[in-house]
Every structure is written in C-alpha cells, then in structure tokens.
Amino acid sequence: MDEKILYLINHLPHNAALNVFAQAIDFLTSAGIIFVVLFLINFLARQKERRQLAKVIFFSLAANLIIVELAIKNLVQRVRPFDALTEVIKVGGEPWGYSFPSGQTALAFGVAMAYVLIFPKKIETYLIIIFAVIVGLVRIYLGDHYPSDVAAGAVIGSAIGWGIFIINQKLKIKM
C-alpha cells in the first residue's frame, strides 16, 4: 500500500513549474529555514501570545532535531525510496540521512500544532496547516519519502508541538 500511494503521488505529471514549486518548498523547509523565520517574526512581536508561539516553535524545532533526526532515523535506518525503488522519479538533489520519519514534515506539523493551540481560529493557522500538508506531499512528489514516512512525521511532529506547548504552560519558560 505504501508503494502504491508513493507511485500515485510521485508519478503525477512532472513539469518545470511543479518541480520548481516543489523544490522551493523543499529549500524553505530543509534546515527549518521558514520555521526559523516564523520563530523570529513571532519572537520580535510584542504580544504575549506571539512570544508564547515563538517559544513553542523554538523548542519544537530543537526537539524535532533530537527526536526525529538524531534518534528515530538512526534507529530505524529506512532507505529512501529513490535508492530502494527503480521506478521512483527523483527531482532535485539527494537528501542526506535516512527516510523514516520525514523530518521536514515533522517540523511543519510541529509548528502547525503550535499555531492550532495558540491561535486556533486565525486564518494564518489554517494557512500553516495547509502548508504542512503541502510539505508532506512535496516530500513524496520529490521521491524523498514514502507516504508512511510523511504520516509518521506528521504524527510525531504534532505530538512534539503539543508536548512542548504543555511543558511551556506548566513551566512558564521565559525568553
């Protein structure tokens, strides 16, 4: 089933415009660039809720690095689909490391969860959720991840975002 869904998304029509769009999303989310920008925008704001959001984003990024990139990926060591399956269409450069779970998807959903918990009814929250879903789909479209990698990244990232929010509520961490 994982491979069928992978091929369904990965074998969508690939044209220059879609490839550029997917690679732009990949660039913005690799190394968490867009999420660091969101952290800075919210950190520099004067509103209490914005500062709280910045804290949750910051600690979610750090927790994702430790839990996903350093721990889970090295424990599971799943080979990326473009290395394991000959029919995968690979777009762009080859990412380093293992496939499971998707770190970029985990980051995106961790940040989305922070927005959901702090600004549940704002339009920006809905846009961040849509962006997180797009990140996951792009990871499959590029041939970098299996759908189960993306699903696991979404669940783990959301759990990390939720957990960091709860910890922040209890400890009242100052920044």
N, C-alpha and C. Protein backbone atom coordinates (compact mmCIF):
# COMPACT_ATOMS: atom_id res chain seq x y z
N MET A 1 0.82 -1.20 0.00
CA MET A 1 0.00 0.00 0.00
C MET A 1 0.87 1.27 0.00
N ASP A 2 1.94 1.25 0.79
CA ASP A 2 2.84 2.39 0.88
C ASP A 2 3.42 2.73 -0.50
N GLU A 3 3.87 1.69 -1.20
CA GLU A 3 4.45 1.90 -2.53
C GLU A 3 3.40 2.38 -3.53
N LYS A 4 2.18 1.88 -3.44
CA LYS A 4 1.13 2.30 -4.36
C LYS A 4 0.83 3.79 -4.20
N ILE A 5 0.70 4.24 -2.96
CA ILE A 5 0.45 5.66 -2.72
C ILE A 5 1.66 6.49 -3.13
N LEU A 6 2.86 5.97 -2.85
CA LEU A 6 4.08 6.66 -3.28
C LEU A 6 4.04 6.89 -4.78
N TYR A 7 3.79 5.84 -5.55
CA TYR A 7 3.78 5.97 -7.01
C TYR A 7 2.64 6.87 -7.49
N LEU A 8 1.50 6.81 -6.82
CA LEU A 8 0.37 7.66 -7.19
C LEU A 8 0.77 9.14 -7.12
N ILE A 9 1.45 9.54 -6.06
CA ILE A 9 1.85 10.94 -5.88
C ILE A 9 3.13 11.23 -6.67
N ASN A 10 4.10 10.34 -6.58
CA ASN A 10 5.39 10.57 -7.24
C ASN A 10 5.29 10.55 -8.76
N HIS A 11 4.30 9.86 -9.29
CA HIS A 11 4.14 9.78 -10.74
C HIS A 11 3.10 10.76 -11.28
N LEU A 12 2.73 11.75 -10.47
CA LEU A 12 1.92 12.84 -11.00
C LEU A 12 2.72 13.51 -12.11
N PRO A 13 2.05 14.21 -13.01
CA PRO A 13 2.83 14.88 -14.08
C PRO A 13 3.91 15.78 -13.49
N HIS A 14 5.11 15.60 -13.97
CA HIS A 14 6.24 16.43 -13.55
C HIS A 14 6.54 17.41 -14.68
N ASN A 15 6.37 18.68 -14.39
CA ASN A 15 6.76 19.71 -15.36
C ASN A 15 7.63 20.73 -14.64
N ALA A 16 8.19 21.64 -15.40
CA ALA A 16 9.14 22.60 -14.83
C ALA A 16 8.51 23.41 -13.69
N ALA A 17 7.28 23.86 -13.87
CA ALA A 17 6.64 24.70 -12.85
C ALA A 17 6.42 23.93 -11.55
N LEU A 18 5.90 22.71 -11.64
CA LEU A 18 5.68 21.90 -10.43
C LEU A 18 7.00 21.54 -9.76
N ASN A 19 7.99 21.21 -10.56
CA ASN A 19 9.30 20.86 -10.00
C ASN A 19 9.92 22.05 -9.27
N VAL A 20 9.82 23.24 -9.86
CA VAL A 20 10.36 24.44 -9.20
C VAL A 20 9.60 24.72 -7.91
N PHE A 21 8.27 24.61 -7.95
CA PHE A 21 7.45 24.82 -6.75
C PHE A 21 7.86 23.84 -5.65
N ALA A 22 7.95 22.56 -6.00
CA ALA A 22 8.30 21.52 -5.02
C ALA A 22 9.70 21.75 -4.47
N GLN A 23 10.64 22.11 -5.32
CA GLN A 23 12.00 22.35 -4.85
C GLN A 23 12.09 23.61 -3.99
N ALA A 24 11.24 24.61 -4.26
CA ALA A 24 11.21 25.82 -3.42
C ALA A 24 10.71 25.47 -2.02
N ILE A 25 9.64 24.67 -1.95
CA ILE A 25 9.12 24.22 -0.65
C ILE A 25 10.20 23.42 0.08
N ASP A 26 10.87 22.54 -0.65
CA ASP A 26 11.94 21.72 -0.08
C ASP A 26 13.05 22.61 0.48
N PHE A 27 13.46 23.62 -0.29
CA PHE A 27 14.52 24.53 0.15
C PHE A 27 14.11 25.28 1.42
N LEU A 28 12.88 25.80 1.44
CA LEU A 28 12.41 26.59 2.58
C LEU A 28 12.28 25.76 3.85
N THR A 29 12.01 24.47 3.70
CA THR A 29 11.81 23.63 4.89
C THR A 29 13.05 22.83 5.28
N SER A 30 13.99 22.65 4.35
CA SER A 30 15.20 21.93 4.74
C SER A 30 15.99 22.84 5.68
N ALA A 31 16.52 22.28 6.72
CA ALA A 31 17.21 23.02 7.78
C ALA A 31 16.26 23.97 8.52
N GLY A 32 14.96 23.85 8.27
CA GLY A 32 13.97 24.63 9.01
C GLY A 32 13.97 26.11 8.73
N ILE A 33 14.45 26.54 7.55
CA ILE A 33 14.59 27.96 7.24
C ILE A 33 13.30 28.74 7.48
N ILE A 34 12.21 28.29 6.90
CA ILE A 34 10.93 29.00 7.02
C ILE A 34 10.44 29.02 8.47
N PHE A 35 10.76 27.96 9.21
CA PHE A 35 10.30 27.88 10.59
C PHE A 35 11.12 28.79 11.50
N VAL A 36 12.39 28.98 11.18
CA VAL A 36 13.22 29.93 11.92
C VAL A 36 12.70 31.35 11.66
N VAL A 37 12.30 31.63 10.42
CA VAL A 37 11.72 32.94 10.09
C VAL A 37 10.43 33.16 10.88
N LEU A 38 9.57 32.14 10.94
CA LEU A 38 8.34 32.26 11.73
C LEU A 38 8.65 32.48 13.21
N PHE A 39 9.66 31.78 13.71
CA PHE A 39 10.09 31.98 15.10
C PHE A 39 10.48 33.44 15.31
N LEU A 40 11.35 33.97 14.43
CA LEU A 40 11.84 35.34 14.59
C LEU A 40 10.72 36.37 14.51
N ILE A 41 9.82 36.20 13.55
CA ILE A 41 8.69 37.13 13.42
C ILE A 41 7.87 37.16 14.71
N ASN A 42 7.58 36.00 15.25
CA ASN A 42 6.78 35.93 16.47
C ASN A 42 7.56 36.34 17.71
N PHE A 43 8.86 36.05 17.74
CA PHE A 43 9.70 36.43 18.88
C PHE A 43 9.82 37.94 18.99
N LEU A 44 9.92 38.61 17.84
CA LEU A 44 10.08 40.07 17.84
C LEU A 44 8.78 40.82 18.07
N ALA A 45 7.66 40.13 18.02
CA ALA A 45 6.36 40.76 18.27
C ALA A 45 6.22 41.08 19.75
N ARG A 46 5.39 42.03 20.04
CA ARG A 46 5.22 42.47 21.43
C ARG A 46 4.08 41.76 22.15
N GLN A 47 3.23 41.06 21.41
CA GLN A 47 2.08 40.40 22.03
C GLN A 47 2.52 39.15 22.78
N LYS A 48 1.87 38.93 23.93
CA LYS A 48 2.18 37.78 24.77
C LYS A 48 1.99 36.46 24.03
N GLU A 49 0.89 36.33 23.29
CA GLU A 49 0.61 35.09 22.56
C GLU A 49 1.66 34.83 21.48
N ARG A 50 2.14 35.90 20.84
CA ARG A 50 3.17 35.75 19.80
C ARG A 50 4.48 35.25 20.41
N ARG A 51 4.82 35.78 21.57
CA ARG A 51 6.02 35.32 22.27
C ARG A 51 5.87 33.87 22.69
N GLN A 52 4.68 33.50 23.15
CA GLN A 52 4.42 32.11 23.53
C GLN A 52 4.57 31.21 22.30
N LEU A 53 4.04 31.63 21.17
CA LEU A 53 4.17 30.87 19.93
C LEU A 53 5.63 30.72 19.55
N ALA A 54 6.40 31.79 19.67
CA ALA A 54 7.83 31.73 19.34
C ALA A 54 8.55 30.70 20.21
N LYS A 55 8.22 30.66 21.50
CA LYS A 55 8.85 29.68 22.40
C LYS A 55 8.51 28.25 21.97
N VAL A 56 7.25 28.01 21.68
CA VAL A 56 6.84 26.66 21.29
C VAL A 56 7.50 26.27 19.97
N ILE A 57 7.57 27.19 19.01
CA ILE A 57 8.25 26.91 17.74
C ILE A 57 9.72 26.59 18.00
N PHE A 58 10.39 27.41 18.78
CA PHE A 58 11.82 27.22 19.04
C PHE A 58 12.10 25.85 19.66
N PHE A 59 11.38 25.53 20.72
CA PHE A 59 11.63 24.26 21.40
C PHE A 59 11.14 23.05 20.59
N SER A 60 10.12 23.26 19.75
CA SER A 60 9.69 22.19 18.85
C SER A 60 10.76 21.89 17.81
N LEU A 61 11.39 22.93 17.28
CA LEU A 61 12.47 22.73 16.31
C LEU A 61 13.61 21.95 16.95
N ALA A 62 13.98 22.33 18.16
CA ALA A 62 15.07 21.64 18.86
C ALA A 62 14.70 20.19 19.17
N ALA A 63 13.48 19.98 19.65
CA ALA A 63 13.03 18.62 19.99
C ALA A 63 12.94 17.75 18.74
N ASN A 64 12.47 18.31 17.63
CA ASN A 64 12.41 17.57 16.38
C ASN A 64 13.80 17.15 15.93
N LEU A 65 14.76 18.02 16.05
CA LEU A 65 16.14 17.68 15.67
C LEU A 65 16.63 16.48 16.48
N ILE A 66 16.42 16.52 17.77
CA ILE A 66 16.90 15.43 18.64
C ILE A 66 16.09 14.15 18.44
N ILE A 67 14.77 14.26 18.49
CA ILE A 67 13.93 13.06 18.45
C ILE A 67 13.88 12.43 17.06
N VAL A 68 13.67 13.24 16.04
CA VAL A 68 13.50 12.70 14.68
C VAL A 68 14.84 12.46 14.00
N GLU A 69 15.63 13.51 13.87
CA GLU A 69 16.86 13.41 13.07
C GLU A 69 17.95 12.58 13.75
N LEU A 70 18.12 12.75 15.04
CA LEU A 70 19.22 12.06 15.72
C LEU A 70 18.81 10.70 16.29
N ALA A 71 17.59 10.57 16.75
CA ALA A 71 17.18 9.31 17.40
C ALA A 71 16.46 8.36 16.45
N ILE A 72 15.23 8.71 16.05
CA ILE A 72 14.39 7.76 15.31
C ILE A 72 15.01 7.37 13.98
N LYS A 73 15.47 8.34 13.20
CA LYS A 73 16.03 8.00 11.88
C LYS A 73 17.20 7.04 12.00
N ASN A 74 18.04 7.24 13.00
CA ASN A 74 19.20 6.36 13.18
C ASN A 74 18.83 5.01 13.76
N LEU A 75 17.73 4.92 14.48
CA LEU A 75 17.25 3.64 14.98
C LEU A 75 16.61 2.81 13.87
N VAL A 76 15.77 3.45 13.06
CA VAL A 76 15.02 2.74 12.02
C VAL A 76 15.88 2.49 10.77
N GLN A 77 16.65 3.46 10.35
CA GLN A 77 17.55 3.38 9.19
C GLN A 77 16.85 2.92 7.91
N ARG A 78 15.72 3.50 7.61
CA ARG A 78 14.99 3.16 6.39
C ARG A 78 15.63 3.86 5.18
N VAL A 79 15.89 3.09 4.16
CA VAL A 79 16.49 3.61 2.93
C VAL A 79 15.44 4.45 2.20
N ARG A 80 15.88 5.51 1.58
CA ARG A 80 14.97 6.41 0.87
C ARG A 80 14.43 5.72 -0.38
N PRO A 81 13.19 6.09 -0.78
CA PRO A 81 12.57 5.41 -1.92
C PRO A 81 13.36 5.54 -3.23
N PHE A 82 14.00 6.68 -3.46
CA PHE A 82 14.75 6.82 -4.71
C PHE A 82 15.96 5.89 -4.76
N ASP A 83 16.42 5.42 -3.60
CA ASP A 83 17.52 4.44 -3.55
C ASP A 83 17.00 3.00 -3.58
N ALA A 84 15.78 2.80 -3.10
CA ALA A 84 15.25 1.44 -2.96
C ALA A 84 14.40 0.98 -4.15
N LEU A 85 13.77 1.91 -4.84
CA LEU A 85 12.82 1.56 -5.90
C LEU A 85 13.24 2.21 -7.22
N THR A 86 13.37 1.41 -8.24
CA THR A 86 13.88 1.92 -9.52
C THR A 86 12.90 2.81 -10.27
N GLU A 87 11.60 2.70 -9.98
CA GLU A 87 10.60 3.48 -10.72
C GLU A 87 10.27 4.83 -10.08
N VAL A 88 10.92 5.17 -9.01
CA VAL A 88 10.67 6.46 -8.36
C VAL A 88 11.29 7.57 -9.20
N ILE A 89 10.50 8.61 -9.43
CA ILE A 89 11.00 9.79 -10.14
C ILE A 89 11.67 10.69 -9.10
N LYS A 90 12.97 10.89 -9.22
CA LYS A 90 13.71 11.73 -8.26
C LYS A 90 13.87 13.12 -8.85
N VAL A 91 13.39 14.11 -8.12
CA VAL A 91 13.51 15.50 -8.54
C VAL A 91 14.44 16.21 -7.56
N GLY A 92 15.42 16.92 -8.07
CA GLY A 92 16.32 17.69 -7.22
C GLY A 92 17.42 16.85 -6.62
N GLY A 93 18.14 17.47 -5.70
CA GLY A 93 19.26 16.80 -5.06
C GLY A 93 18.83 15.70 -4.13
N GLU A 94 19.79 14.88 -3.78
CA GLU A 94 19.50 13.77 -2.88
C GLU A 94 19.76 14.19 -1.43
N PRO A 95 18.73 14.10 -0.59
CA PRO A 95 18.92 14.47 0.82
C PRO A 95 19.79 13.45 1.54
N TRP A 96 20.44 13.89 2.59
CA TRP A 96 21.29 13.00 3.38
C TRP A 96 20.42 12.27 4.40
N GLY A 97 20.96 11.25 4.93
CA GLY A 97 20.30 10.54 6.03
C GLY A 97 19.24 9.56 5.57
N TYR A 98 18.51 9.09 6.55
CA TYR A 98 17.50 8.06 6.33
C TYR A 98 16.13 8.66 6.06
N SER A 99 15.20 7.79 5.70
CA SER A 99 13.89 8.21 5.24
C SER A 99 12.84 8.33 6.34
N PHE A 100 12.84 7.42 7.30
CA PHE A 100 11.76 7.36 8.29
C PHE A 100 12.15 7.96 9.62
N PRO A 101 11.34 8.90 10.11
CA PRO A 101 10.21 9.60 9.52
C PRO A 101 10.68 10.84 8.77
N SER A 102 9.77 11.51 8.10
CA SER A 102 10.12 12.74 7.38
C SER A 102 10.34 13.87 8.37
N GLY A 103 11.58 14.33 8.45
CA GLY A 103 11.93 15.41 9.37
C GLY A 103 11.28 16.73 9.01
N GLN A 104 11.25 17.04 7.70
CA GLN A 104 10.65 18.30 7.28
C GLN A 104 9.14 18.31 7.55
N THR A 105 8.50 17.17 7.35
CA THR A 105 7.07 17.08 7.66
C THR A 105 6.85 17.20 9.17
N ALA A 106 7.72 16.58 9.96
CA ALA A 106 7.62 16.68 11.42
C ALA A 106 7.76 18.13 11.86
N LEU A 107 8.72 18.85 11.30
CA LEU A 107 8.89 20.27 11.63
C LEU A 107 7.63 21.06 11.29
N ALA A 108 7.12 20.83 10.07
CA ALA A 108 5.95 21.58 9.61
C ALA A 108 4.74 21.33 10.50
N PHE A 109 4.52 20.08 10.87
CA PHE A 109 3.35 19.76 11.71
C PHE A 109 3.56 20.18 13.16
N GLY A 110 4.80 20.19 13.63
CA GLY A 110 5.08 20.70 14.97
C GLY A 110 4.74 22.17 15.07
N VAL A 111 5.13 22.93 14.05
CA VAL A 111 4.82 24.36 14.01
C VAL A 111 3.31 24.56 13.83
N ALA A 112 2.70 23.76 12.96
CA ALA A 112 1.25 23.86 12.77
C ALA A 112 0.49 23.60 14.07
N MET A 113 0.94 22.61 14.82
CA MET A 113 0.29 22.31 16.10
C MET A 113 0.41 23.50 17.06
N ALA A 114 1.57 24.14 17.07
CA ALA A 114 1.74 25.33 17.92
C ALA A 114 0.72 26.40 17.55
N TYR A 115 0.54 26.63 16.27
CA TYR A 115 -0.45 27.62 15.82
C TYR A 115 -1.87 27.19 16.22
N VAL A 116 -2.18 25.92 16.04
CA VAL A 116 -3.52 25.42 16.38
C VAL A 116 -3.82 25.65 17.87
N LEU A 117 -2.84 25.40 18.72
CA LEU A 117 -3.05 25.52 20.16
C LEU A 117 -3.08 26.96 20.65
N ILE A 118 -2.35 27.84 19.98
CA ILE A 118 -2.26 29.23 20.46
C ILE A 118 -3.20 30.17 19.71
N PHE A 119 -3.36 29.95 18.41
CA PHE A 119 -4.26 30.77 17.59
C PHE A 119 -5.22 29.87 16.81
N PRO A 120 -6.14 29.18 17.52
CA PRO A 120 -6.96 28.16 16.88
C PRO A 120 -7.88 28.66 15.76
N LYS A 121 -8.28 29.90 15.77
CA LYS A 121 -9.27 30.35 14.79
C LYS A 121 -8.75 31.43 13.84
N LYS A 122 -7.45 31.64 13.81
CA LYS A 122 -6.89 32.66 12.92
C LYS A 122 -6.64 32.06 11.54
N ILE A 123 -6.79 32.89 10.53
CA ILE A 123 -6.58 32.45 9.15
C ILE A 123 -5.14 31.95 8.95
N GLU A 124 -4.18 32.56 9.62
CA GLU A 124 -2.79 32.12 9.47
C GLU A 124 -2.61 30.68 9.94
N THR A 125 -3.38 30.27 10.92
CA THR A 125 -3.31 28.88 11.40
C THR A 125 -3.75 27.92 10.30
N TYR A 126 -4.84 28.24 9.64
CA TYR A 126 -5.31 27.39 8.55
C TYR A 126 -4.28 27.34 7.41
N LEU A 127 -3.65 28.47 7.15
CA LEU A 127 -2.63 28.51 6.09
C LEU A 127 -1.40 27.68 6.46
N ILE A 128 -1.02 27.71 7.74
CA ILE A 128 0.11 26.90 8.20
C ILE A 128 -0.22 25.42 8.10
N ILE A 129 -1.45 25.04 8.43
CA ILE A 129 -1.86 23.63 8.31
C ILE A 129 -1.80 23.20 6.84
N ILE A 130 -2.32 24.02 5.95
CA ILE A 130 -2.27 23.70 4.52
C ILE A 130 -0.81 23.59 4.07
N PHE A 131 0.03 24.49 4.53
CA PHE A 131 1.45 24.44 4.18
C PHE A 131 2.08 23.14 4.67
N ALA A 132 1.75 22.72 5.88
CA ALA A 132 2.30 21.47 6.43
C ALA A 132 1.90 20.27 5.57
N VAL A 133 0.66 20.24 5.12
CA VAL A 133 0.20 19.16 4.25
C VAL A 133 0.96 19.20 2.92
N ILE A 134 1.14 20.39 2.39
CA ILE A 134 1.89 20.54 1.13
C ILE A 134 3.32 20.04 1.31
N VAL A 135 3.94 20.36 2.43
CA VAL A 135 5.31 19.90 2.70
C VAL A 135 5.35 18.37 2.61
N GLY A 136 4.42 17.71 3.25
CA GLY A 136 4.39 16.24 3.21
C GLY A 136 4.22 15.70 1.81
N LEU A 137 3.30 16.28 1.06
CA LEU A 137 3.07 15.83 -0.32
C LEU A 137 4.30 16.07 -1.20
N VAL A 138 4.95 17.21 -0.99
CA VAL A 138 6.16 17.53 -1.76
C VAL A 138 7.27 16.52 -1.49
N ARG A 139 7.40 16.08 -0.25
CA ARG A 139 8.45 15.10 0.09
C ARG A 139 8.25 13.80 -0.71
N ILE A 140 6.99 13.42 -0.93
CA ILE A 140 6.69 12.22 -1.72
C ILE A 140 6.88 12.52 -3.21
N TYR A 141 6.38 13.66 -3.67
CA TYR A 141 6.49 14.06 -5.07
C TYR A 141 7.95 14.08 -5.52
N LEU A 142 8.84 14.57 -4.65
CA LEU A 142 10.26 14.66 -4.98
C LEU A 142 10.94 13.29 -4.99
N GLY A 143 10.28 12.27 -4.43
CA GLY A 143 10.86 10.93 -4.36
C GLY A 143 11.73 10.71 -3.14
N ASP A 144 11.65 11.63 -2.17
CA ASP A 144 12.50 11.56 -0.98
C ASP A 144 11.92 10.71 0.14
N HIS A 145 10.58 10.53 0.17
CA HIS A 145 9.94 9.81 1.27
C HIS A 145 8.79 8.95 0.80
N TYR A 146 8.56 7.89 1.56
CA TYR A 146 7.36 7.07 1.42
C TYR A 146 6.22 7.80 2.14
N PRO A 147 4.97 7.51 1.75
CA PRO A 147 3.83 8.10 2.48
C PRO A 147 3.85 7.79 3.97
N SER A 148 4.28 6.60 4.36
CA SER A 148 4.33 6.27 5.80
C SER A 148 5.37 7.12 6.53
N ASP A 149 6.44 7.52 5.84
CA ASP A 149 7.42 8.43 6.44
C ASP A 149 6.77 9.78 6.75
N VAL A 150 5.98 10.24 5.79
CA VAL A 150 5.31 11.53 5.92
C VAL A 150 4.23 11.46 7.00
N ALA A 151 3.44 10.40 6.99
CA ALA A 151 2.40 10.24 8.02
C ALA A 151 3.02 10.19 9.42
N ALA A 152 4.09 9.43 9.56
CA ALA A 152 4.77 9.34 10.86
C ALA A 152 5.34 10.70 11.25
N GLY A 153 5.93 11.40 10.29
CA GLY A 153 6.46 12.74 10.57
C GLY A 153 5.37 13.68 11.04
N ALA A 154 4.19 13.60 10.40
CA ALA A 154 3.07 14.46 10.80
C ALA A 154 2.62 14.16 12.22
N VAL A 155 2.50 12.88 12.55
CA VAL A 155 2.06 12.48 13.90
C VAL A 155 3.11 12.85 14.94
N ILE A 156 4.36 12.52 14.68
CA ILE A 156 5.44 12.80 15.64
C ILE A 156 5.61 14.30 15.82
N GLY A 157 5.63 15.04 14.71
CA GLY A 157 5.77 16.50 14.79
C GLY A 157 4.63 17.14 15.56
N SER A 158 3.41 16.69 15.30
CA SER A 158 2.24 17.22 16.02
C SER A 158 2.34 16.91 17.51
N ALA A 159 2.77 15.70 17.83
CA ALA A 159 2.92 15.31 19.24
C ALA A 159 4.00 16.15 19.93
N ILE A 160 5.08 16.40 19.22
CA ILE A 160 6.15 17.23 19.79
C ILE A 160 5.64 18.65 20.02
N GLY A 161 4.95 19.22 19.03
CA GLY A 161 4.40 20.57 19.19
C GLY A 161 3.44 20.65 20.37
N TRP A 162 2.58 19.64 20.48
CA TRP A 162 1.63 19.60 21.59
C TRP A 162 2.36 19.45 22.92
N GLY A 163 3.33 18.54 22.97
CA GLY A 163 4.09 18.31 24.21
C GLY A 163 4.85 19.55 24.65
N ILE A 164 5.49 20.22 23.71
CA ILE A 164 6.23 21.45 24.05
C ILE A 164 5.27 22.52 24.56
N PHE A 165 4.11 22.63 23.95
CA PHE A 165 3.10 23.59 24.41
C PHE A 165 2.71 23.31 25.86
N ILE A 166 2.43 22.04 26.17
CA ILE A 166 2.03 21.65 27.53
C ILE A 166 3.16 21.94 28.52
N ILE A 167 4.38 21.57 28.17
CA ILE A 167 5.54 21.83 29.05
C ILE A 167 5.69 23.32 29.29
N ASN A 168 5.57 24.11 28.22
CA ASN A 168 5.68 25.57 28.35
C ASN A 168 4.60 26.13 29.26
N GLN A 169 3.38 25.59 29.16
CA GLN A 169 2.28 26.04 30.01
C GLN A 169 2.58 25.77 31.48
N LYS A 170 3.18 24.61 31.76
CA LYS A 170 3.45 24.21 33.15
C LYS A 170 4.67 24.92 33.73
N LEU A 171 5.72 25.10 32.90
CA LEU A 171 6.97 25.66 33.41
C LEU A 171 7.08 27.18 33.25
N LYS A 172 6.23 27.75 32.40
CA LYS A 172 6.27 29.20 32.13
C LYS A 172 7.69 29.65 31.75
N ILE A 173 8.24 29.00 30.73
CA ILE A 173 9.60 29.29 30.27
C ILE A 173 9.67 30.72 29.74
N LYS A 174 10.68 31.47 30.19
CA LYS A 174 10.90 32.85 29.76
C LYS A 174 11.90 32.89 28.61
N MET A 175 11.65 33.80 27.67
CA MET A 175 12.58 34.02 26.55
C MET A 175 12.87 35.48 26.42
